[in-house]
Amino acid sequence: MAQPLVYLSGRLVPQSEAALPLHDAGLISGATVTDFCRTFHRRLFRWPDHLRRFRRDCETCFIPLSLSDEEITHLAHDLVVNNSRYLSEGQELALITFATPGGLGTYAGLPGWDGPPTLVLHTFPLPFSRYRRFFTEGIALAFSGEQSALTNELLPAQIKHRSRMHWWRADQLVRRRTDVPPGAIALLADDTLTETAIGNLLVVRNGILYTPPRTKVLESISLRVVEELCFELGLVVEQRAITLSEAQTASEAMLTGTAFCLAGVRWLEGVHLECPGPITQRLLQAWNHLVGLDIAAQFLAS
């Protein structure tokens, strides 16, 4: 039976046959740089920005890429065209790109042999149902603990990688709390609020949008889009440390992330916020205009 294709280190293989060997450093050491890019109208959105960040992160983490940007871009677009054939009407794709240092010979019984690096591109239907509640109810955020985000750390917060044990544990801690609304998302802090596993935080106070300093959070393509839209709308965005109490007393708050773009926060650690607030609505309408469709309607129709 025909099925979506996956690019796996030089080969295009059916999705069911795509697998990494057990001695790959991505499995042994969690040494994996990754990227998540979505489509609109089944075309990749802001792909050059995603690829630029991906290559930078690979270089920072000493994971070589044997293909040029042009070659990776050609693969990405070809996969989207091919794999879109398996979508239902109205569906969109998520494209995942990830790279690892490759095989570790010691774990394959071949001491002294390592590599070559692994590069994978694969797609899956964007799960609209997962994010529908963001647009019907708003997002609930629960504080789940502190995670260091110092500028001199070996693994800077700006890098997008797969070592996400802290997010797994944060999510499990939130799920075990009885005072948190269903569907709440973990929010980490390092003295001040940082980010969630799926999106970056913005809070509005006195008409100004504030985001945590870039040195403490993932370098977000979606946050960059929000900043560009703010410029077009005459809104001011500033970076600064945000305390929990400041966020709880904000006039509104929102998350931005690749999959869902932008959605309002309705609950933050026991405090209810206006959702969606007027600035959130203005920004979402501007994003709708940018991509030529009603983003919320996509999630509500699924």
C-alpha atoms as a PDB file:
ATOM      1  CA  MET A   1       0.000   0.000   0.000  1.00  0.00           C
ATOM      2  CA  ALA A   2       1.306   3.459  -0.913  1.00  0.00           C
ATOM      3  CA  GLN A   3       2.272   5.581   2.084  1.00  0.00           C
ATOM      4  CA  PRO A   4       4.097   8.823   2.908  1.00  0.00           C
ATOM      5  CA  LEU A   5       7.836   8.946   2.302  1.00  0.00           C
ATOM      6  CA  VAL A   6      10.632   9.736   4.750  1.00  0.00           C
ATOM      7  CA  TYR A   7      14.106  11.004   3.928  1.00  0.00           C
ATOM      8  CA  LEU A   8      16.573   8.937   5.973  1.00  0.00           C
ATOM      9  CA  SER A   9      20.261   9.749   5.484  1.00  0.00           C
ATOM     10  CA  GLY A  10      20.428   9.594   1.728  1.00  0.00           C
ATOM     11  CA  ARG A  11      17.383   7.414   1.057  1.00  0.00           C
ATOM     12  CA  LEU A  12      13.690   7.949   0.525  1.00  0.00           C
ATOM     13  CA  VAL A  13      11.827   5.151   2.278  1.00  0.00           C
ATOM     14  CA  PRO A  14       8.190   4.396   3.098  1.00  0.00           C
ATOM     15  CA  GLN A  15       7.220   5.736   6.498  1.00  0.00           C
ATOM     16  CA  SER A  16       6.723   2.241   7.940  1.00  0.00           C
ATOM     17  CA  GLU A  17      10.322   1.323   7.083  1.00  0.00           C
ATOM     18  CA  ALA A  18      11.993   4.401   8.583  1.00  0.00           C
ATOM     19  CA  ALA A  19      13.998   3.508  11.685  1.00  0.00           C
ATOM     20  CA  LEU A  20      17.215   4.444  13.468  1.00  0.00           C
ATOM     21  CA  PRO A  21      19.706   1.806  14.635  1.00  0.00           C
ATOM     22  CA  LEU A  22      19.882   1.293  18.379  1.00  0.00           C
ATOM     23  CA  HIS A  23      23.460   2.599  18.426  1.00  0.00           C
ATOM     24  CA  ASP A  24      22.538   6.020  16.965  1.00  0.00           C
ATOM     25  CA  ALA A  25      23.729   8.867  19.189  1.00  0.00           C
ATOM     26  CA  GLY A  26      20.245  10.365  19.022  1.00  0.00           C
ATOM     27  CA  LEU A  27      18.972   7.351  20.971  1.00  0.00           C
ATOM     28  CA  ILE A  28      22.036   6.657  23.112  1.00  0.00           C
ATOM     29  CA  SER A  29      22.842  10.215  24.155  1.00  0.00           C
ATOM     30  CA  GLY A  30      19.750  12.191  23.164  1.00  0.00           C
ATOM     31  CA  ALA A  31      22.082  14.159  20.889  1.00  0.00           C
ATOM     32  CA  THR A  32      19.464  15.405  18.454  1.00  0.00           C
ATOM     33  CA  VAL A  33      18.891  18.837  16.946  1.00  0.00           C
ATOM     34  CA  THR A  34      15.401  19.226  15.540  1.00  0.00           C
ATOM     35  CA  ASP A  35      12.963  21.549  13.798  1.00  0.00           C
ATOM     36  CA  PHE A  36       9.177  21.665  13.413  1.00  0.00           C
ATOM     37  CA  CYS A  37       7.721  23.547  10.435  1.00  0.00           C
ATOM     38  CA  ARG A  38       4.068  23.588   9.358  1.00  0.00           C
ATOM     39  CA  THR A  39       2.308  24.237   6.085  1.00  0.00           C
ATOM     40  CA  PHE A  40      -0.411  26.663   5.062  1.00  0.00           C
ATOM     41  CA  HIS A  41      -2.220  25.769   1.866  1.00  0.00           C
ATOM     42  CA  ARG A  42       0.183  22.784   1.930  1.00  0.00           C
ATOM     43  CA  ARG A  43       3.198  25.008   1.501  1.00  0.00           C
ATOM     44  CA  LEU A  44       5.904  25.367   4.139  1.00  0.00           C
ATOM     45  CA  PHE A  45       5.600  28.542   6.220  1.00  0.00           C
ATOM     46  CA  ARG A  46       8.790  30.499   6.942  1.00  0.00           C
ATOM     47  CA  TRP A  47      10.921  27.554   5.855  1.00  0.00           C
ATOM     48  CA  PRO A  48      14.119  29.624   5.257  1.00  0.00           C
ATOM     49  CA  ASP A  49      13.963  30.833   8.871  1.00  0.00           C
ATOM     50  CA  HIS A  50      13.485  27.292  10.154  1.00  0.00           C
ATOM     51  CA  LEU A  51      16.348  25.937   8.071  1.00  0.00           C
ATOM     52  CA  ARG A  52      18.652  28.788   9.103  1.00  0.00           C
ATOM     53  CA  ARG A  53      18.023  28.076  12.793  1.00  0.00           C
ATOM     54  CA  PHE A  54      18.384  24.326  12.249  1.00  0.00           C
ATOM     55  CA  ARG A  55      21.781  24.694  10.567  1.00  0.00           C
ATOM     56  CA  ARG A  56      22.991  27.118  13.245  1.00  0.00           C
ATOM     57  CA  ASP A  57      21.918  24.727  16.010  1.00  0.00           C
ATOM     58  CA  CYS A  58      23.630  21.790  14.288  1.00  0.00           C
ATOM     59  CA  GLU A  59      26.856  23.790  14.046  1.00  0.00           C
ATOM     60  CA  THR A  60      26.598  24.816  17.710  1.00  0.00           C
ATOM     61  CA  CYS A  61      26.121  21.178  18.734  1.00  0.00           C
ATOM     62  CA  PHE A  62      28.871  19.844  16.441  1.00  0.00           C
ATOM     63  CA  ILE A  63      26.489  17.822  14.284  1.00  0.00           C
ATOM     64  CA  PRO A  64      27.639  18.114  10.657  1.00  0.00           C
ATOM     65  CA  LEU A  65      25.177  18.392   7.786  1.00  0.00           C
ATOM     66  CA  SER A  66      26.419  16.852   4.556  1.00  0.00           C
ATOM     67  CA  LEU A  67      23.702  18.485   2.433  1.00  0.00           C
ATOM     68  CA  SER A  68      23.533  22.119   1.379  1.00  0.00           C
ATOM     69  CA  ASP A  69      20.598  24.375   2.223  1.00  0.00           C
ATOM     70  CA  GLU A  70      19.443  24.053  -1.389  1.00  0.00           C
ATOM     71  CA  GLU A  71      19.484  20.257  -1.204  1.00  0.00           C
ATOM     72  CA  ILE A  72      17.622  20.151   2.110  1.00  0.00           C
ATOM     73  CA  THR A  73      15.069  22.659   0.819  1.00  0.00           C
ATOM     74  CA  HIS A  74      14.502  20.580  -2.317  1.00  0.00           C
ATOM     75  CA  LEU A  75      13.933  17.473  -0.184  1.00  0.00           C
ATOM     76  CA  ALA A  76      11.570  19.328   2.156  1.00  0.00           C
ATOM     77  CA  HIS A  77       9.385  20.674  -0.639  1.00  0.00           C
ATOM     78  CA  ASP A  78       9.327  17.341  -2.487  1.00  0.00           C
ATOM     79  CA  LEU A  79       8.242  15.523   0.676  1.00  0.00           C
ATOM     80  CA  VAL A  80       5.438  18.033   1.267  1.00  0.00           C
ATOM     81  CA  VAL A  81       4.186  17.666  -2.305  1.00  0.00           C
ATOM     82  CA  ASN A  82       4.326  13.882  -2.199  1.00  0.00           C
ATOM     83  CA  ASN A  83       2.946  13.372   1.292  1.00  0.00           C
ATOM     84  CA  SER A  84       0.147  15.911   0.852  1.00  0.00           C
ATOM     85  CA  ARG A  85      -1.490  13.351  -1.422  1.00  0.00           C
ATOM     86  CA  TYR A  86      -2.416  11.340   1.661  1.00  0.00           C
ATOM     87  CA  LEU A  87      -4.175  14.203   3.456  1.00  0.00           C
ATOM     88  CA  SER A  88      -7.905  14.669   3.744  1.00  0.00           C
ATOM     89  CA  GLU A  89      -9.488  17.888   2.528  1.00  0.00           C
ATOM     90  CA  GLY A  90      -8.543  20.824   4.739  1.00  0.00           C
ATOM     91  CA  GLN A  91      -5.619  19.076   6.417  1.00  0.00           C
ATOM     92  CA  GLU A  92      -2.097  20.490   6.620  1.00  0.00           C
ATOM     93  CA  LEU A  93       1.301  18.906   7.227  1.00  0.00           C
ATOM     94  CA  ALA A  94       3.930  19.213   9.918  1.00  0.00           C
ATOM     95  CA  LEU A  95       7.485  18.705   8.659  1.00  0.00           C
ATOM     96  CA  ILE A  96      10.021  17.426  11.179  1.00  0.00           C
ATOM     97  CA  THR A  97      13.722  17.742  10.423  1.00  0.00           C
ATOM     98  CA  PHE A  98      16.291  16.284  12.783  1.00  0.00           C
ATOM     99  CA  ALA A  99      19.968  15.425  12.822  1.00  0.00           C
ATOM    100  CA  THR A 100      22.198  13.359  15.100  1.00  0.00           C
ATOM    101  CA  PRO A 101      25.950  12.625  15.141  1.00  0.00           C
ATOM    102  CA  GLY A 102      25.091   9.148  13.823  1.00  0.00           C
ATOM    103  CA  GLY A 103      26.140   5.733  15.037  1.00  0.00           C
ATOM    104  CA  LEU A 104      28.306   5.178  18.112  1.00  0.00           C
ATOM    105  CA  GLY A 105      30.560   2.238  17.338  1.00  0.00           C
ATOM    106  CA  THR A 106      31.016   1.166  20.949  1.00  0.00           C
ATOM    107  CA  TYR A 107      27.299   0.389  21.183  1.00  0.00           C
ATOM    108  CA  ALA A 108      27.400  -1.526  17.896  1.00  0.00           C
ATOM    109  CA  GLY A 109      30.318  -3.715  18.960  1.00  0.00           C
ATOM    110  CA  LEU A 110      32.685  -1.736  16.721  1.00  0.00           C
ATOM    111  CA  PRO A 111      34.987   0.299  19.004  1.00  0.00           C
ATOM    112  CA  GLY A 112      36.702   3.149  17.210  1.00  0.00           C
ATOM    113  CA  TRP A 113      33.997   3.502  14.559  1.00  0.00           C
ATOM    114  CA  ASP A 114      31.491   6.330  14.727  1.00  0.00           C
ATOM    115  CA  GLY A 115      29.117   8.011  12.254  1.00  0.00           C
ATOM    116  CA  PRO A 116      28.216   8.964   9.655  1.00  0.00           C
ATOM    117  CA  PRO A 117      25.775  11.656  10.841  1.00  0.00           C
ATOM    118  CA  THR A 118      22.049  11.006  10.602  1.00  0.00           C
ATOM    119  CA  LEU A 119      19.646  13.394   8.839  1.00  0.00           C
ATOM    120  CA  VAL A 120      15.906  12.738   8.746  1.00  0.00           C
ATOM    121  CA  LEU A 121      12.967  14.637   7.258  1.00  0.00           C
ATOM    122  CA  HIS A 122       9.461  13.294   7.769  1.00  0.00           C
ATOM    123  CA  THR A 123       5.897  14.610   7.864  1.00  0.00           C
ATOM    124  CA  PHE A 124       2.621  13.913   9.618  1.00  0.00           C
ATOM    125  CA  PRO A 125      -0.844  15.498   9.452  1.00  0.00           C
ATOM    126  CA  LEU A 126      -0.966  18.559  11.682  1.00  0.00           C
ATOM    127  CA  PRO A 127      -3.123  17.471  14.664  1.00  0.00           C
ATOM    128  CA  PHE A 128      -5.776  20.193  14.681  1.00  0.00           C
ATOM    129  CA  SER A 129      -7.755  18.384  17.377  1.00  0.00           C
ATOM    130  CA  ARG A 130      -4.843  18.649  19.813  1.00  0.00           C
ATOM    131  CA  TYR A 131      -5.048  22.449  19.759  1.00  0.00           C
ATOM    132  CA  ARG A 132      -8.789  22.979  19.260  1.00  0.00           C
ATOM    133  CA  ARG A 133      -9.285  23.802  22.938  1.00  0.00           C
ATOM    134  CA  PHE A 134      -6.862  26.707  22.586  1.00  0.00           C
ATOM    135  CA  PHE A 135      -9.445  28.454  20.411  1.00  0.00           C
ATOM    136  CA  THR A 136     -12.651  27.281  22.077  1.00  0.00           C
ATOM    137  CA  GLU A 137     -11.568  27.864  25.697  1.00  0.00           C
ATOM    138  CA  GLY A 138      -8.094  29.398  25.740  1.00  0.00           C
ATOM    139  CA  ILE A 139      -4.892  28.043  27.241  1.00  0.00           C
ATOM    140  CA  ALA A 140      -4.358  27.178  30.904  1.00  0.00           C
ATOM    141  CA  LEU A 141      -0.793  27.551  32.185  1.00  0.00           C
ATOM    142  CA  ALA A 142       0.527  25.933  35.339  1.00  0.00           C
ATOM    143  CA  PHE A 143       3.897  26.637  36.921  1.00  0.00           C
ATOM    144  CA  SER A 144       5.772  23.361  37.240  1.00  0.00           C
ATOM    145  CA  GLY A 145       9.264  24.170  38.463  1.00  0.00           C
ATOM    146  CA  GLU A 146      12.495  25.925  37.678  1.00  0.00           C
ATOM    147  CA  GLN A 147      14.876  25.136  34.840  1.00  0.00           C
ATOM    148  CA  SER A 148      18.191  26.937  34.610  1.00  0.00           C
ATOM    149  CA  ALA A 149      18.628  29.134  31.531  1.00  0.00           C
ATOM    150  CA  LEU A 150      21.968  30.820  32.140  1.00  0.00           C
ATOM    151  CA  THR A 151      23.732  32.402  29.189  1.00  0.00           C
ATOM    152  CA  ASN A 152      26.949  30.440  29.788  1.00  0.00           C
ATOM    153  CA  GLU A 153      25.362  26.983  29.869  1.00  0.00           C
ATOM    154  CA  LEU A 154      26.770  24.228  27.661  1.00  0.00           C
ATOM    155  CA  LEU A 155      23.373  23.847  25.983  1.00  0.00           C
ATOM    156  CA  PRO A 156      21.889  27.325  25.458  1.00  0.00           C
ATOM    157  CA  ALA A 157      18.133  27.752  25.814  1.00  0.00           C
ATOM    158  CA  GLN A 158      17.903  29.140  22.263  1.00  0.00           C
ATOM    159  CA  ILE A 159      18.727  25.744  20.670  1.00  0.00           C
ATOM    160  CA  LYS A 160      15.868  23.485  19.570  1.00  0.00           C
ATOM    161  CA  HIS A 161      16.767  19.936  20.523  1.00  0.00           C
ATOM    162  CA  ARG A 162      15.179  16.657  21.551  1.00  0.00           C
ATOM    163  CA  SER A 163      16.577  16.411  25.078  1.00  0.00           C
ATOM    164  CA  ARG A 164      13.170  17.107  26.604  1.00  0.00           C
ATOM    165  CA  MET A 165      13.136  15.097  29.795  1.00  0.00           C
ATOM    166  CA  HIS A 166      12.550  18.254  31.814  1.00  0.00           C
ATOM    167  CA  TRP A 167       9.408  18.961  29.759  1.00  0.00           C
ATOM    168  CA  TRP A 168       8.190  15.391  30.126  1.00  0.00           C
ATOM    169  CA  ARG A 169       8.570  15.626  33.896  1.00  0.00           C
ATOM    170  CA  ALA A 170       6.972  19.088  33.981  1.00  0.00           C
ATOM    171  CA  ASP A 171       3.940  17.763  32.116  1.00  0.00           C
ATOM    172  CA  GLN A 172       3.607  14.793  34.448  1.00  0.00           C
ATOM    173  CA  LEU A 173       3.804  17.048  37.518  1.00  0.00           C
ATOM    174  CA  VAL A 174       1.020  19.248  36.145  1.00  0.00           C
ATOM    175  CA  ARG A 175      -1.170  16.231  35.356  1.00  0.00           C
ATOM    176  CA  ARG A 176      -0.900  15.069  38.965  1.00  0.00           C
ATOM    177  CA  ARG A 177      -2.114  18.325  40.463  1.00  0.00           C
ATOM    178  CA  THR A 178      -5.775  18.468  41.437  1.00  0.00           C
ATOM    179  CA  ASP A 179      -6.022  22.286  41.336  1.00  0.00           C
ATOM    180  CA  VAL A 180      -5.168  22.634  37.649  1.00  0.00           C
ATOM    181  CA  PRO A 181      -7.784  22.807  34.865  1.00  0.00           C
ATOM    182  CA  PRO A 182      -7.866  19.976  32.330  1.00  0.00           C
ATOM    183  CA  GLY A 183      -5.514  20.493  29.438  1.00  0.00           C
ATOM    184  CA  ALA A 184      -3.168  22.816  31.321  1.00  0.00           C
ATOM    185  CA  ILE A 185       0.328  23.295  29.911  1.00  0.00           C
ATOM    186  CA  ALA A 186       3.484  23.420  32.005  1.00  0.00           C
ATOM    187  CA  LEU A 187       5.283  26.740  32.328  1.00  0.00           C
ATOM    188  CA  LEU A 188       8.851  26.738  33.583  1.00  0.00           C
ATOM    189  CA  ALA A 189      10.723  29.496  35.366  1.00  0.00           C
ATOM    190  CA  ASP A 190      14.273  30.443  36.235  1.00  0.00           C
ATOM    191  CA  ASP A 191      13.569  33.046  38.924  1.00  0.00           C
ATOM    192  CA  THR A 192      11.212  34.566  36.321  1.00  0.00           C
ATOM    193  CA  LEU A 193       8.913  32.934  33.770  1.00  0.00           C
ATOM    194  CA  THR A 194      10.460  31.460  30.652  1.00  0.00           C
ATOM    195  CA  GLU A 195       8.427  29.320  28.252  1.00  0.00           C
ATOM    196  CA  THR A 196       6.316  26.222  27.641  1.00  0.00           C
ATOM    197  CA  ALA A 197       7.146  23.068  25.691  1.00  0.00           C
ATOM    198  CA  ILE A 198       4.998  24.137  22.740  1.00  0.00           C
ATOM    199  CA  GLY A 199       5.138  27.916  22.627  1.00  0.00           C
ATOM    200  CA  ASN A 200       6.580  31.205  23.797  1.00  0.00           C
ATOM    201  CA  LEU A 201       4.864  33.444  26.323  1.00  0.00           C
ATOM    202  CA  LEU A 202       3.826  37.068  25.795  1.00  0.00           C
ATOM    203  CA  VAL A 203       2.051  39.213  28.367  1.00  0.00           C
ATOM    204  CA  VAL A 204       0.389  42.591  27.857  1.00  0.00           C
ATOM    205  CA  ARG A 205       0.728  45.336  30.442  1.00  0.00           C
ATOM    206  CA  ASN A 206      -0.327  48.932  29.760  1.00  0.00           C
ATOM    207  CA  GLY A 207      -0.632  48.172  26.072  1.00  0.00           C
ATOM    208  CA  ILE A 208       2.955  46.864  25.724  1.00  0.00           C
ATOM    209  CA  LEU A 209       3.747  43.231  24.906  1.00  0.00           C
ATOM    210  CA  TYR A 210       6.537  41.739  27.003  1.00  0.00           C
ATOM    211  CA  THR A 211       8.475  38.549  26.316  1.00  0.00           C
ATOM    212  CA  PRO A 212      11.243  36.913  28.369  1.00  0.00           C
ATOM    213  CA  PRO A 213      14.814  37.760  27.321  1.00  0.00           C
ATOM    214  CA  ARG A 214      15.916  35.816  24.226  1.00  0.00           C
ATOM    215  CA  THR A 215      18.852  34.339  26.127  1.00  0.00           C
ATOM    216  CA  LYS A 216      16.414  32.411  28.343  1.00  0.00           C
ATOM    217  CA  VAL A 217      14.071  30.904  25.745  1.00  0.00           C
ATOM    218  CA  LEU A 218      14.061  29.033  22.467  1.00  0.00           C
ATOM    219  CA  GLU A 219      14.706  31.198  19.425  1.00  0.00           C
ATOM    220  CA  SER A 220      11.146  31.096  18.119  1.00  0.00           C
ATOM    221  CA  ILE A 221      10.205  31.656  14.486  1.00  0.00           C
ATOM    222  CA  SER A 222       6.599  32.228  15.578  1.00  0.00           C
ATOM    223  CA  LEU A 223       7.666  34.879  18.075  1.00  0.00           C
ATOM    224  CA  ARG A 224       9.513  36.609  15.255  1.00  0.00           C
ATOM    225  CA  VAL A 225       6.296  36.610  13.223  1.00  0.00           C
ATOM    226  CA  VAL A 226       4.414  38.148  16.159  1.00  0.00           C
ATOM    227  CA  GLU A 227       7.036  40.895  16.441  1.00  0.00           C
ATOM    228  CA  GLU A 228       6.723  41.649  12.718  1.00  0.00           C
ATOM    229  CA  LEU A 229       2.934  41.807  13.001  1.00  0.00           C
ATOM    230  CA  CYS A 230       3.235  44.103  16.020  1.00  0.00           C
ATOM    231  CA  PHE A 231       5.413  46.446  13.997  1.00  0.00           C
ATOM    232  CA  GLU A 232       2.786  46.539  11.250  1.00  0.00           C
ATOM    233  CA  LEU A 233       0.034  47.234  13.800  1.00  0.00           C
ATOM    234  CA  GLY A 234       2.008  49.876  15.690  1.00  0.00           C
ATOM    235  CA  LEU A 235       2.281  47.733  18.828  1.00  0.00           C
ATOM    236  CA  VAL A 236       5.345  47.773  21.069  1.00  0.00           C
ATOM    237  CA  VAL A 237       7.188  44.559  22.022  1.00  0.00           C
ATOM    238  CA  GLU A 238       9.886  44.540  24.679  1.00  0.00           C
ATOM    239  CA  GLN A 239      12.118  41.859  26.152  1.00  0.00           C
ATOM    240  CA  ARG A 240      12.461  41.723  29.910  1.00  0.00           C
ATOM    241  CA  ALA A 241      12.192  39.406  32.880  1.00  0.00           C
ATOM    242  CA  ILE A 242       8.557  38.630  33.796  1.00  0.00           C
ATOM    243  CA  THR A 243       7.575  37.496  37.265  1.00  0.00           C
ATOM    244  CA  LEU A 244       4.623  35.216  37.897  1.00  0.00           C
ATOM    245  CA  SER A 245       2.722  37.985  39.698  1.00  0.00           C
ATOM    246  CA  GLU A 246       3.296  40.360  36.779  1.00  0.00           C
ATOM    247  CA  ALA A 247       1.906  37.798  34.361  1.00  0.00           C
ATOM    248  CA  GLN A 248      -1.091  37.132  36.610  1.00  0.00           C
ATOM    249  CA  THR A 249      -1.950  40.827  36.734  1.00  0.00           C
ATOM    250  CA  ALA A 250      -1.460  41.389  32.989  1.00  0.00           C
ATOM    251  CA  SER A 251      -4.401  42.648  30.941  1.00  0.00           C
ATOM    252  CA  GLU A 252      -3.957  39.588  28.712  1.00  0.00           C
ATOM    253  CA  ALA A 253      -1.430  36.887  27.872  1.00  0.00           C
ATOM    254  CA  MET A 254      -0.852  34.615  24.919  1.00  0.00           C
ATOM    255  CA  LEU A 255       1.294  31.792  23.579  1.00  0.00           C
ATOM    256  CA  THR A 256       2.783  31.603  20.125  1.00  0.00           C
ATOM    257  CA  GLY A 257       4.034  28.396  18.528  1.00  0.00           C
ATOM    258  CA  THR A 258       4.514  26.833  15.116  1.00  0.00           C
ATOM    259  CA  ALA A 259       1.610  24.402  15.216  1.00  0.00           C
ATOM    260  CA  PHE A 260      -1.181  26.732  16.421  1.00  0.00           C
ATOM    261  CA  CYS A 261       0.359  30.152  15.636  1.00  0.00           C
ATOM    262  CA  LEU A 262      -1.228  32.267  18.386  1.00  0.00           C
ATOM    263  CA  ALA A 263      -3.779  31.681  21.147  1.00  0.00           C
ATOM    264  CA  GLY A 264      -4.875  33.446  24.312  1.00  0.00           C
ATOM    265  CA  VAL A 265      -4.196  32.377  27.902  1.00  0.00           C
ATOM    266  CA  ARG A 266      -7.357  32.102  30.018  1.00  0.00           C
ATOM    267  CA  TRP A 267      -5.895  30.766  33.314  1.00  0.00           C
ATOM    268  CA  LEU A 268      -2.472  31.243  34.895  1.00  0.00           C
ATOM    269  CA  GLU A 269      -1.801  29.526  38.203  1.00  0.00           C
ATOM    270  CA  GLY A 270      -5.220  30.172  39.714  1.00  0.00           C
ATOM    271  CA  VAL A 271      -5.853  33.544  38.065  1.00  0.00           C
ATOM    272  CA  HIS A 272      -8.332  34.010  35.215  1.00  0.00           C
ATOM    273  CA  LEU A 273      -7.358  36.351  32.381  1.00  0.00           C
ATOM    274  CA  GLU A 274      -9.403  37.901  29.599  1.00  0.00           C
ATOM    275  CA  CYS A 275      -9.226  35.458  26.711  1.00  0.00           C
ATOM    276  CA  PRO A 276      -8.800  36.158  23.965  1.00  0.00           C
ATOM    277  CA  GLY A 277      -7.854  39.720  24.774  1.00  0.00           C
ATOM    278  CA  PRO A 278      -8.166  42.542  22.233  1.00  0.00           C
ATOM    279  CA  ILE A 279      -4.478  42.562  21.291  1.00  0.00           C
ATOM    280  CA  THR A 280      -4.453  38.780  20.896  1.00  0.00           C
ATOM    281  CA  GLN A 281      -7.430  39.091  18.556  1.00  0.00           C
ATOM    282  CA  ARG A 282      -5.781  41.863  16.513  1.00  0.00           C
ATOM    283  CA  LEU A 283      -2.603  39.828  16.121  1.00  0.00           C
ATOM    284  CA  LEU A 284      -4.473  36.680  15.141  1.00  0.00           C
ATOM    285  CA  GLN A 285      -6.436  38.595  12.527  1.00  0.00           C
ATOM    286  CA  ALA A 286      -3.179  39.977  11.139  1.00  0.00           C
ATOM    287  CA  TRP A 287      -1.748  36.442  11.023  1.00  0.00           C
ATOM    288  CA  ASN A 288      -4.888  35.293   9.185  1.00  0.00           C
ATOM    289  CA  HIS A 289      -4.265  37.982   6.600  1.00  0.00           C
ATOM    290  CA  LEU A 290      -0.608  36.982   6.314  1.00  0.00           C
ATOM    291  CA  VAL A 291      -1.364  33.335   5.477  1.00  0.00           C
ATOM    292  CA  GLY A 292      -4.635  33.874   3.631  1.00  0.00           C
ATOM    293  CA  LEU A 293      -6.991  31.855   5.815  1.00  0.00           C
ATOM    294  CA  ASP A 294      -8.802  31.809   9.167  1.00  0.00           C
ATOM    295  CA  ILE A 295      -6.404  29.985  11.479  1.00  0.00           C
ATOM    296  CA  ALA A 296      -8.877  29.416  14.318  1.00  0.00           C
ATOM    297  CA  ALA A 297     -11.429  28.070  11.848  1.00  0.00           C
ATOM    298  CA  GLN A 298      -8.941  25.398  10.753  1.00  0.00           C
ATOM    299  CA  PHE A 299      -8.752  24.042  14.282  1.00  0.00           C
ATOM    300  CA  LEU A 300     -12.467  24.378  14.979  1.00  0.00           C
ATOM    301  CA  ALA A 301     -13.480  22.581  11.781  1.00  0.00           C
ATOM    302  CA  SER A 302     -11.388  19.476  12.447  1.00  0.00           C
END
